[in-house]
Every structure is written in C-alpha cells, then in structure tokens.
Amino acid sequence: MAPTDDEAALLPLDRSQLDALREHVEALLGDGGCDQTRRATDAWAASHGVALDRLHEGLEEFGGFCDCEVVMNVDPAVVFPVAGQAAEGPSLR
C-alpha cells in the first residue's frame, strides 16, 4: 500500500537524502550488525542537521524502528513513488 501524503510528509528527507541515509546505515551494519537501536541512523542525521524527533516519527511510519529496519523496510520507491506508477509490485500489463 502506498503511503498517504501525510505519511510521506512526516519524513523530513528528500529522495537523495533517504538513499544516502540507507547507504550509510547499511555500510555500518555490515561492520557490526544491528544492535536494535537507530545509532547509525542518528549519527547520520546529526551530521546532516536532521531533527531526530521528526526523522524517527517518519521512519516509524514505514517500519524503521531500528537501523536494520531502516534498511529493510524504508524503501525509497515506496516513500517517494513515481507519479502514475504503482508503488508496490510489478505491472500486470
């Protein structure tokens, strides 16, 4: 199911920022695994001037409750669907 406009508005990032966040977190997870916190996410946010409260709220709307869930669940294609294109699944045409 595609996010509502209200859900997408909760995430205080644009598409390129979300891509950069996920790449940063994924790289750090490869080094040490997930400790069930958003430690890597928060470090990235602090270095980019992103408000943690809004970021946490937005990530949670998409299932990002810890670093590994940010990588696995917060899919940029779902958060920022292309206009006129289904956010989930392949086209049946």
PDB file of N, CA and C in Angstrom:
ATOM      1  N   MET A   1       0.840  -1.182   0.000  1.00  0.00           N
ATOM      2  CA  MET A   1       0.000   0.000   0.000  1.00  0.00           C
ATOM      3  C   MET A   1       0.883   1.242   0.000  1.00  0.00           C
ATOM      4  N   ALA A   2       0.600   2.193  -0.828  1.00  0.00           N
ATOM      5  CA  ALA A   2       1.369   3.432  -0.919  1.00  0.00           C
ATOM      6  C   ALA A   2       1.097   4.306   0.294  1.00  0.00           C
ATOM      7  N   PRO A   3       2.105   5.087   0.713  1.00  0.00           N
ATOM      8  CA  PRO A   3       1.884   5.973   1.851  1.00  0.00           C
ATOM      9  C   PRO A   3       0.937   7.097   1.475  1.00  0.00           C
ATOM     10  N   THR A   4       0.251   7.606   2.467  1.00  0.00           N
ATOM     11  CA  THR A   4      -0.590   8.776   2.235  1.00  0.00           C
ATOM     12  C   THR A   4       0.316   9.998   2.166  1.00  0.00           C
ATOM     13  N   ASP A   5      -0.223  11.119   1.702  1.00  0.00           N
ATOM     14  CA  ASP A   5       0.562  12.349   1.673  1.00  0.00           C
ATOM     15  C   ASP A   5       1.023  12.720   3.072  1.00  0.00           C
ATOM     16  N   ASP A   6       0.189  12.476   4.086  1.00  0.00           N
ATOM     17  CA  ASP A   6       0.557  12.788   5.461  1.00  0.00           C
ATOM     18  C   ASP A   6       1.747  11.952   5.915  1.00  0.00           C
ATOM     19  N   GLU A   7       1.778  10.661   5.544  1.00  0.00           N
ATOM     20  CA  GLU A   7       2.894   9.805   5.936  1.00  0.00           C
ATOM     21  C   GLU A   7       4.183  10.264   5.272  1.00  0.00           C
ATOM     22  N   ALA A   8       4.160  10.509   3.977  1.00  0.00           N
ATOM     23  CA  ALA A   8       5.357  10.949   3.269  1.00  0.00           C
ATOM     24  C   ALA A   8       5.850  12.281   3.826  1.00  0.00           C
ATOM     25  N   ALA A   9       4.923  13.146   4.229  1.00  0.00           N
ATOM     26  CA  ALA A   9       5.302  14.447   4.772  1.00  0.00           C
ATOM     27  C   ALA A   9       6.003  14.320   6.116  1.00  0.00           C
ATOM     28  N   LEU A  10       5.772  13.227   6.832  1.00  0.00           N
ATOM     29  CA  LEU A  10       6.422  13.047   8.120  1.00  0.00           C
ATOM     30  C   LEU A  10       7.924  12.844   7.994  1.00  0.00           C
ATOM     31  N   LEU A  11       8.381  12.290   6.907  1.00  0.00           N
ATOM     32  CA  LEU A  11       9.796  12.004   6.731  1.00  0.00           C
ATOM     33  C   LEU A  11      10.495  13.278   6.258  1.00  0.00           C
ATOM     34  N   PRO A  12      11.366  13.860   7.101  1.00  0.00           N
ATOM     35  CA  PRO A  12      11.970  15.150   6.764  1.00  0.00           C
ATOM     36  C   PRO A  12      13.185  15.017   5.841  1.00  0.00           C
ATOM     37  N   LEU A  13      13.103  14.111   4.866  1.00  0.00           N
ATOM     38  CA  LEU A  13      14.198  13.872   3.933  1.00  0.00           C
ATOM     39  C   LEU A  13      13.660  13.887   2.510  1.00  0.00           C
ATOM     40  N   ASP A  14      14.526  14.219   1.567  1.00  0.00           N
ATOM     41  CA  ASP A  14      14.157  14.032   0.174  1.00  0.00           C
ATOM     42  C   ASP A  14      14.715  12.681  -0.280  1.00  0.00           C
ATOM     43  N   ARG A  15      14.460  12.328  -1.510  1.00  0.00           N
ATOM     44  CA  ARG A  15      14.848  11.006  -2.011  1.00  0.00           C
ATOM     45  C   ARG A  15      16.362  10.781  -1.917  1.00  0.00           C
ATOM     46  N   SER A  16      17.162  11.758  -2.304  1.00  0.00           N
ATOM     47  CA  SER A  16      18.612  11.581  -2.274  1.00  0.00           C
ATOM     48  C   SER A  16      19.125  11.457  -0.838  1.00  0.00           C
ATOM     49  N   GLN A  17      18.515  12.181   0.092  1.00  0.00           N
ATOM     50  CA  GLN A  17      18.911  12.056   1.493  1.00  0.00           C
ATOM     51  C   GLN A  17      18.562  10.679   2.043  1.00  0.00           C
ATOM     52  N   LEU A  18      17.386  10.176   1.688  1.00  0.00           N
ATOM     53  CA  LEU A  18      16.999   8.851   2.156  1.00  0.00           C
ATOM     54  C   LEU A  18      17.938   7.796   1.578  1.00  0.00           C
ATOM     55  N   ASP A  19      18.291   7.921   0.316  1.00  0.00           N
ATOM     56  CA  ASP A  19      19.252   6.989  -0.291  1.00  0.00           C
ATOM     57  C   ASP A  19      20.581   7.039   0.457  1.00  0.00           C
ATOM     58  N   ALA A  20      21.072   8.244   0.747  1.00  0.00           N
ATOM     59  CA  ALA A  20      22.348   8.397   1.449  1.00  0.00           C
ATOM     60  C   ALA A  20      22.268   7.821   2.858  1.00  0.00           C
ATOM     61  N   LEU A  21      21.163   8.065   3.548  1.00  0.00           N
ATOM     62  CA  LEU A  21      20.978   7.509   4.892  1.00  0.00           C
ATOM     63  C   LEU A  21      21.035   5.988   4.854  1.00  0.00           C
ATOM     64  N   ARG A  22      20.283   5.392   3.950  1.00  0.00           N
ATOM     65  CA  ARG A  22      20.239   3.932   3.870  1.00  0.00           C
ATOM     66  C   ARG A  22      21.608   3.350   3.525  1.00  0.00           C
ATOM     67  N   GLU A  23      22.345   3.988   2.617  1.00  0.00           N
ATOM     68  CA  GLU A  23      23.687   3.517   2.266  1.00  0.00           C
ATOM     69  C   GLU A  23      24.618   3.586   3.469  1.00  0.00           C
ATOM     70  N   HIS A  24      24.558   4.682   4.221  1.00  0.00           N
ATOM     71  CA  HIS A  24      25.379   4.855   5.423  1.00  0.00           C
ATOM     72  C   HIS A  24      25.070   3.778   6.451  1.00  0.00           C
ATOM     73  N   VAL A  25      23.800   3.587   6.725  1.00  0.00           N
ATOM     74  CA  VAL A  25      23.387   2.612   7.732  1.00  0.00           C
ATOM     75  C   VAL A  25      23.765   1.200   7.285  1.00  0.00           C
ATOM     76  N   GLU A  26      23.510   0.873   6.035  1.00  0.00           N
ATOM     77  CA  GLU A  26      23.829  -0.465   5.531  1.00  0.00           C
ATOM     78  C   GLU A  26      25.325  -0.760   5.647  1.00  0.00           C
ATOM     79  N   ALA A  27      26.164   0.220   5.350  1.00  0.00           N
ATOM     80  CA  ALA A  27      27.614   0.033   5.464  1.00  0.00           C
ATOM     81  C   ALA A  27      28.015  -0.233   6.911  1.00  0.00           C
ATOM     82  N   LEU A  28      27.439   0.493   7.842  1.00  0.00           N
ATOM     83  CA  LEU A  28      27.776   0.286   9.252  1.00  0.00           C
ATOM     84  C   LEU A  28      27.234  -1.034   9.782  1.00  0.00           C
ATOM     85  N   LEU A  29      26.072  -1.448   9.297  1.00  0.00           N
ATOM     86  CA  LEU A  29      25.519  -2.734   9.723  1.00  0.00           C
ATOM     87  C   LEU A  29      26.411  -3.884   9.273  1.00  0.00           C
ATOM     88  N   GLY A  30      27.024  -3.730   8.112  1.00  0.00           N
ATOM     89  CA  GLY A  30      27.925  -4.756   7.611  1.00  0.00           C
ATOM     90  C   GLY A  30      29.138  -4.937   8.503  1.00  0.00           C
ATOM     91  N   ASP A  31      29.524  -3.884   9.200  1.00  0.00           N
ATOM     92  CA  ASP A  31      30.681  -3.944  10.089  1.00  0.00           C
ATOM     93  C   ASP A  31      30.351  -4.567  11.436  1.00  0.00           C
ATOM     94  N   GLY A  32      29.148  -4.318  11.956  1.00  0.00           N
ATOM     95  CA  GLY A  32      28.876  -4.782  13.310  1.00  0.00           C
ATOM     96  C   GLY A  32      27.496  -5.335  13.556  1.00  0.00           C
ATOM     97  N   GLY A  33      26.630  -5.359  12.570  1.00  0.00           N
ATOM     98  CA  GLY A  33      25.272  -5.846  12.768  1.00  0.00           C
ATOM     99  C   GLY A  33      24.407  -4.819  13.478  1.00  0.00           C
ATOM    100  N   CYS A  34      23.165  -5.162  13.643  1.00  0.00           N
ATOM    101  CA  CYS A  34      22.181  -4.267  14.263  1.00  0.00           C
ATOM    102  C   CYS A  34      22.123  -4.520  15.763  1.00  0.00           C
ATOM    103  N   ASP A  35      22.153  -3.443  16.533  1.00  0.00           N
ATOM    104  CA  ASP A  35      22.034  -3.557  17.988  1.00  0.00           C
ATOM    105  C   ASP A  35      20.630  -3.188  18.465  1.00  0.00           C
ATOM    106  N   GLN A  36      19.667  -3.204  17.533  1.00  0.00           N
ATOM    107  CA  GLN A  36      18.254  -2.900  17.807  1.00  0.00           C
ATOM    108  C   GLN A  36      18.014  -1.451  18.225  1.00  0.00           C
ATOM    109  N   THR A  37      18.915  -0.558  17.812  1.00  0.00           N
ATOM    110  CA  THR A  37      18.739   0.880  18.016  1.00  0.00           C
ATOM    111  C   THR A  37      18.849   1.555  16.652  1.00  0.00           C
ATOM    112  N   ARG A  38      18.705   2.870  16.642  1.00  0.00           N
ATOM    113  CA  ARG A  38      18.940   3.652  15.432  1.00  0.00           C
ATOM    114  C   ARG A  38      20.238   4.449  15.586  1.00  0.00           C
ATOM    115  N   ARG A  39      21.244   3.828  16.165  1.00  0.00           N
ATOM    116  CA  ARG A  39      22.512   4.505  16.424  1.00  0.00           C
ATOM    117  C   ARG A  39      23.139   5.043  15.123  1.00  0.00           C
ATOM    118  N   ALA A  40      23.233   4.225  14.090  1.00  0.00           N
ATOM    119  CA  ALA A  40      23.832   4.659  12.819  1.00  0.00           C
ATOM    120  C   ALA A  40      22.947   5.703  12.136  1.00  0.00           C
ATOM    121  N   THR A  41      21.648   5.498  12.188  1.00  0.00           N
ATOM    122  CA  THR A  41      20.698   6.461  11.622  1.00  0.00           C
ATOM    123  C   THR A  41      20.850   7.810  12.305  1.00  0.00           C
ATOM    124  N   ASP A  42      20.909   7.794  13.628  1.00  0.00           N
ATOM    125  CA  ASP A  42      21.016   9.034  14.397  1.00  0.00           C
ATOM    126  C   ASP A  42      22.341   9.748  14.134  1.00  0.00           C
ATOM    127  N   ALA A  43      23.429   8.988  13.974  1.00  0.00           N
ATOM    128  CA  ALA A  43      24.734   9.596  13.680  1.00  0.00           C
ATOM    129  C   ALA A  43      24.688  10.299  12.330  1.00  0.00           C
ATOM    130  N   TRP A  44      24.075   9.637  11.331  1.00  0.00           N
ATOM    131  CA  TRP A  44      23.942  10.257  10.011  1.00  0.00           C
ATOM    132  C   TRP A  44      23.099  11.526  10.123  1.00  0.00           C
ATOM    133  N   ALA A  45      21.977  11.440  10.823  1.00  0.00           N
ATOM    134  CA  ALA A  45      21.080  12.593  10.955  1.00  0.00           C
ATOM    135  C   ALA A  45      21.790  13.769  11.629  1.00  0.00           C
ATOM    136  N   ALA A  46      22.542  13.494  12.685  1.00  0.00           N
ATOM    137  CA  ALA A  46      23.251  14.561  13.393  1.00  0.00           C
ATOM    138  C   ALA A  46      24.269  15.240  12.480  1.00  0.00           C
ATOM    139  N   SER A  47      24.946  14.474  11.641  1.00  0.00           N
ATOM    140  CA  SER A  47      25.957  15.062  10.757  1.00  0.00           C
ATOM    141  C   SER A  47      25.338  15.810   9.573  1.00  0.00           C
ATOM    142  N   HIS A  48      24.037  15.613   9.364  1.00  0.00           N
ATOM    143  CA  HIS A  48      23.343  16.290   8.265  1.00  0.00           C
ATOM    144  C   HIS A  48      22.293  17.295   8.746  1.00  0.00           C
ATOM    145  N   GLY A  49      22.259  17.572  10.040  1.00  0.00           N
ATOM    146  CA  GLY A  49      21.351  18.578  10.578  1.00  0.00           C
ATOM    147  C   GLY A  49      19.883  18.216  10.508  1.00  0.00           C
ATOM    148  N   VAL A  50      19.574  16.922  10.580  1.00  0.00           N
ATOM    149  CA  VAL A  50      18.184  16.460  10.501  1.00  0.00           C
ATOM    150  C   VAL A  50      17.636  16.274  11.919  1.00  0.00           C
ATOM    151  N   ALA A  51      16.462  16.828  12.178  1.00  0.00           N
ATOM    152  CA  ALA A  51      15.825  16.733  13.501  1.00  0.00           C
ATOM    153  C   ALA A  51      15.442  15.284  13.798  1.00  0.00           C
ATOM    154  N   LEU A  52      15.947  14.745  14.891  1.00  0.00           N
ATOM    155  CA  LEU A  52      15.726  13.334  15.224  1.00  0.00           C
ATOM    156  C   LEU A  52      14.269  12.996  15.490  1.00  0.00           C
ATOM    157  N   ASP A  53      13.557  13.851  16.207  1.00  0.00           N
ATOM    158  CA  ASP A  53      12.161  13.537  16.526  1.00  0.00           C
ATOM    159  C   ASP A  53      11.337  13.335  15.258  1.00  0.00           C
ATOM    160  N   ARG A  54      11.456  14.255  14.326  1.00  0.00           N
ATOM    161  CA  ARG A  54      10.701  14.136  13.059  1.00  0.00           C
ATOM    162  C   ARG A  54      11.178  12.951  12.244  1.00  0.00           C
ATOM    163  N   LEU A  55      12.500  12.727  12.225  1.00  0.00           N
ATOM    164  CA  LEU A  55      13.036  11.606  11.473  1.00  0.00           C
ATOM    165  C   LEU A  55      12.528  10.289  12.041  1.00  0.00           C
ATOM    166  N   HIS A  56      12.597  10.135  13.369  1.00  0.00           N
ATOM    167  CA  HIS A  56      12.120   8.896  13.999  1.00  0.00           C
ATOM    168  C   HIS A  56      10.644   8.664  13.697  1.00  0.00           C
ATOM    169  N   GLU A  57       9.852   9.701  13.816  1.00  0.00           N
ATOM    170  CA  GLU A  57       8.413   9.575  13.560  1.00  0.00           C
ATOM    171  C   GLU A  57       8.165   9.126  12.119  1.00  0.00           C
ATOM    172  N   GLY A  58       8.849   9.755  11.179  1.00  0.00           N
ATOM    173  CA  GLY A  58       8.675   9.393   9.778  1.00  0.00           C
ATOM    174  C   GLY A  58       9.155   7.990   9.470  1.00  0.00           C
ATOM    175  N   LEU A  59      10.318   7.601   9.999  1.00  0.00           N
ATOM    176  CA  LEU A  59      10.833   6.251   9.767  1.00  0.00           C
ATOM    177  C   LEU A  59       9.895   5.193  10.328  1.00  0.00           C
ATOM    178  N   GLU A  60       9.337   5.466  11.494  1.00  0.00           N
ATOM    179  CA  GLU A  60       8.413   4.507  12.111  1.00  0.00           C
ATOM    180  C   GLU A  60       7.168   4.299  11.263  1.00  0.00           C
ATOM    181  N   GLU A  61       6.714   5.322  10.544  1.00  0.00           N
ATOM    182  CA  GLU A  61       5.553   5.172   9.663  1.00  0.00           C
ATOM    183  C   GLU A  61       5.805   4.128   8.581  1.00  0.00           C
ATOM    184  N   PHE A  62       7.081   3.913   8.264  1.00  0.00           N
ATOM    185  CA  PHE A  62       7.455   2.956   7.218  1.00  0.00           C
ATOM    186  C   PHE A  62       8.119   1.709   7.801  1.00  0.00           C
ATOM    187  N   GLY A  63       8.075   1.537   9.125  1.00  0.00           N
ATOM    188  CA  GLY A  63       8.608   0.329   9.746  1.00  0.00           C
ATOM    189  C   GLY A  63      10.075   0.400  10.114  1.00  0.00           C
ATOM    190  N   GLY A  64      10.652   1.592  10.224  1.00  0.00           N
ATOM    191  CA  GLY A  64      12.065   1.749  10.557  1.00  0.00           C
ATOM    192  C   GLY A  64      12.284   2.026  12.036  1.00  0.00           C
ATOM    193  N   PHE A  65      12.145   0.986  12.857  1.00  0.00           N
ATOM    194  CA  PHE A  65      12.268   1.148  14.306  1.00  0.00           C
ATOM    195  C   PHE A  65      13.684   0.928  14.823  1.00  0.00           C
ATOM    196  N   CYS A  66      14.573   0.395  13.987  1.00  0.00           N
ATOM    197  CA  CYS A  66      15.989   0.238  14.329  1.00  0.00           C
ATOM    198  C   CYS A  66      16.769   0.316  13.020  1.00  0.00           C
ATOM    199  N   ASP A  67      18.090   0.328  13.101  1.00  0.00           N
ATOM    200  CA  ASP A  67      18.904   0.507  11.897  1.00  0.00           C
ATOM    201  C   ASP A  67      18.629  -0.543  10.822  1.00  0.00           C
ATOM    202  N   CYS A  68      18.533  -1.810  11.197  1.00  0.00           N
ATOM    203  CA  CYS A  68      18.320  -2.828  10.160  1.00  0.00           C
ATOM    204  C   CYS A  68      16.942  -2.668   9.517  1.00  0.00           C
ATOM    205  N   GLU A  69      15.962  -2.213  10.279  1.00  0.00           N
ATOM    206  CA  GLU A  69      14.636  -1.992   9.710  1.00  0.00           C
ATOM    207  C   GLU A  69      14.601  -0.758   8.807  1.00  0.00           C
ATOM    208  N   VAL A  70      15.447   0.222   9.090  1.00  0.00           N
ATOM    209  CA  VAL A  70      15.547   1.380   8.199  1.00  0.00           C
ATOM    210  C   VAL A  70      15.996   0.906   6.821  1.00  0.00           C
ATOM    211  N   VAL A  71      16.984   0.006   6.789  1.00  0.00           N
ATOM    212  CA  VAL A  71      17.498  -0.510   5.519  1.00  0.00           C
ATOM    213  C   VAL A  71      16.485  -1.436   4.855  1.00  0.00           C
ATOM    214  N   MET A  72      15.873  -2.326   5.625  1.00  0.00           N
ATOM    215  CA  MET A  72      14.972  -3.332   5.045  1.00  0.00           C
ATOM    216  C   MET A  72      13.582  -2.798   4.722  1.00  0.00           C
ATOM    217  N   ASN A  73      13.052  -1.897   5.533  1.00  0.00           N
ATOM    218  CA  ASN A  73      11.645  -1.507   5.417  1.00  0.00           C
ATOM    219  C   ASN A  73      11.389  -0.140   4.794  1.00  0.00           C
ATOM    220  N   VAL A  74      12.299   0.790   4.928  1.00  0.00           N
ATOM    221  CA  VAL A  74      12.057   2.150   4.454  1.00  0.00           C
ATOM    222  C   VAL A  74      12.571   2.254   3.014  1.00  0.00           C
ATOM    223  N   ASP A  75      11.757   1.761   2.111  1.00  0.00           N
ATOM    224  CA  ASP A  75      12.091   1.663   0.692  1.00  0.00           C
ATOM    225  C   ASP A  75      11.819   2.996   0.000  1.00  0.00           C
ATOM    226  N   PRO A  76      12.842   3.614  -0.576  1.00  0.00           N
ATOM    227  CA  PRO A  76      12.619   4.901  -1.249  1.00  0.00           C
ATOM    228  C   PRO A  76      11.553   4.837  -2.343  1.00  0.00           C
ATOM    229  N   ALA A  77      11.405   3.714  -3.000  1.00  0.00           N
ATOM    230  CA  ALA A  77      10.384   3.585  -4.047  1.00  0.00           C
ATOM    231  C   ALA A  77       8.977   3.631  -3.464  1.00  0.00           C
ATOM    232  N   VAL A  78       8.833   3.245  -2.216  1.00  0.00           N
ATOM    233  CA  VAL A  78       7.530   3.307  -1.550  1.00  0.00           C
ATOM    234  C   VAL A  78       7.313   4.689  -0.942  1.00  0.00           C
ATOM    235  N   VAL A  79       8.360   5.249  -0.343  1.00  0.00           N
ATOM    236  CA  VAL A  79       8.252   6.565   0.284  1.00  0.00           C
ATOM    237  C   VAL A  79       8.035   7.646  -0.769  1.00  0.00           C
ATOM    238  N   PHE A  80       8.724   7.510  -1.909  1.00  0.00           N
ATOM    239  CA  PHE A  80       8.654   8.508  -2.973  1.00  0.00           C
ATOM    240  C   PHE A  80       8.258   7.837  -4.292  1.00  0.00           C
ATOM    241  N   PRO A  81       7.019   7.347  -4.401  1.00  0.00           N
ATOM    242  CA  PRO A  81       6.613   6.687  -5.648  1.00  0.00           C
ATOM    243  C   PRO A  81       6.594   7.667  -6.812  1.00  0.00           C
ATOM    244  N   VAL A  82       6.919   7.166  -7.988  1.00  0.00           N
ATOM    245  CA  VAL A  82       6.875   7.974  -9.203  1.00  0.00           C
ATOM    246  C   VAL A  82       5.412   8.198  -9.557  1.00  0.00           C
ATOM    247  N   ALA A  83       5.069   9.413  -9.889  1.00  0.00           N
ATOM    248  CA  ALA A  83       3.681   9.747 -10.229  1.00  0.00           C
ATOM    249  C   ALA A  83       3.178   8.855 -11.361  1.00  0.00           C
ATOM    250  N   GLY A  84       1.999   8.301 -11.166  1.00  0.00           N
ATOM    251  CA  GLY A  84       1.379   7.478 -12.181  1.00  0.00           C
ATOM    252  C   GLY A  84       1.868   6.041 -12.195  1.00  0.00           C
ATOM    253  N   GLN A  85       2.727   5.692 -11.245  1.00  0.00           N
ATOM    254  CA  GLN A  85       3.265   4.334 -11.200  1.00  0.00           C
ATOM    255  C   GLN A  85       2.898   3.704  -9.867  1.00  0.00           C
ATOM    256  N   ALA A  86       2.525   2.441  -9.874  1.00  0.00           N
ATOM    257  CA  ALA A  86       2.187   1.737  -8.635  1.00  0.00           C
ATOM    258  C   ALA A  86       3.425   1.656  -7.757  1.00  0.00           C
ATOM    259  N   ALA A  87       3.239   1.848  -6.467  1.00  0.00           N
ATOM    260  CA  ALA A  87       4.362   1.812  -5.533  1.00  0.00           C
ATOM    261  C   ALA A  87       4.760   0.388  -5.186  1.00  0.00           C
ATOM    262  N   GLU A  88       3.864  -0.562  -5.369  1.00  0.00           N
ATOM    263  CA  GLU A  88       4.152  -1.941  -4.984  1.00  0.00           C
ATOM    264  C   GLU A  88       3.917  -2.889  -6.145  1.00  0.00           C
ATOM    265  N   GLY A  89       4.787  -3.850  -6.279  1.00  0.00           N
ATOM    266  CA  GLY A  89       4.600  -4.933  -7.210  1.00  0.00           C
ATOM    267  C   GLY A  89       4.792  -4.554  -8.657  1.00  0.00           C
ATOM    268  N   PRO A  90       4.969  -5.559  -9.497  1.00  0.00           N
ATOM    269  CA  PRO A  90       5.158  -5.316 -10.925  1.00  0.00           C
ATOM    270  C   PRO A  90       3.841  -4.983 -11.615  1.00  0.00           C
ATOM    271  N   SER A  91       3.959  -4.357 -12.739  1.00  0.00           N
ATOM    272  CA  SER A  91       2.790  -4.045 -13.542  1.00  0.00           C
ATOM    273  C   SER A  91       2.220  -5.342 -14.114  1.00  0.00           C
ATOM    274  N   LEU A  92       0.909  -5.446 -14.184  1.00  0.00           N
ATOM    275  CA  LEU A  92       0.264  -6.639 -14.722  1.00  0.00           C
ATOM    276  C   LEU A  92      -0.020  -6.500 -16.207  1.00  0.00           C
ATOM    277  N   ARG A  93       0.406  -5.417 -16.825  1.00  0.00           N
ATOM    278  CA  ARG A  93       0.181  -5.192 -18.258  1.00  0.00           C
ATOM    279  C   ARG A  93       1.196  -5.924 -19.073  1.00  0.00           C
TER     280      ARG A  93
END
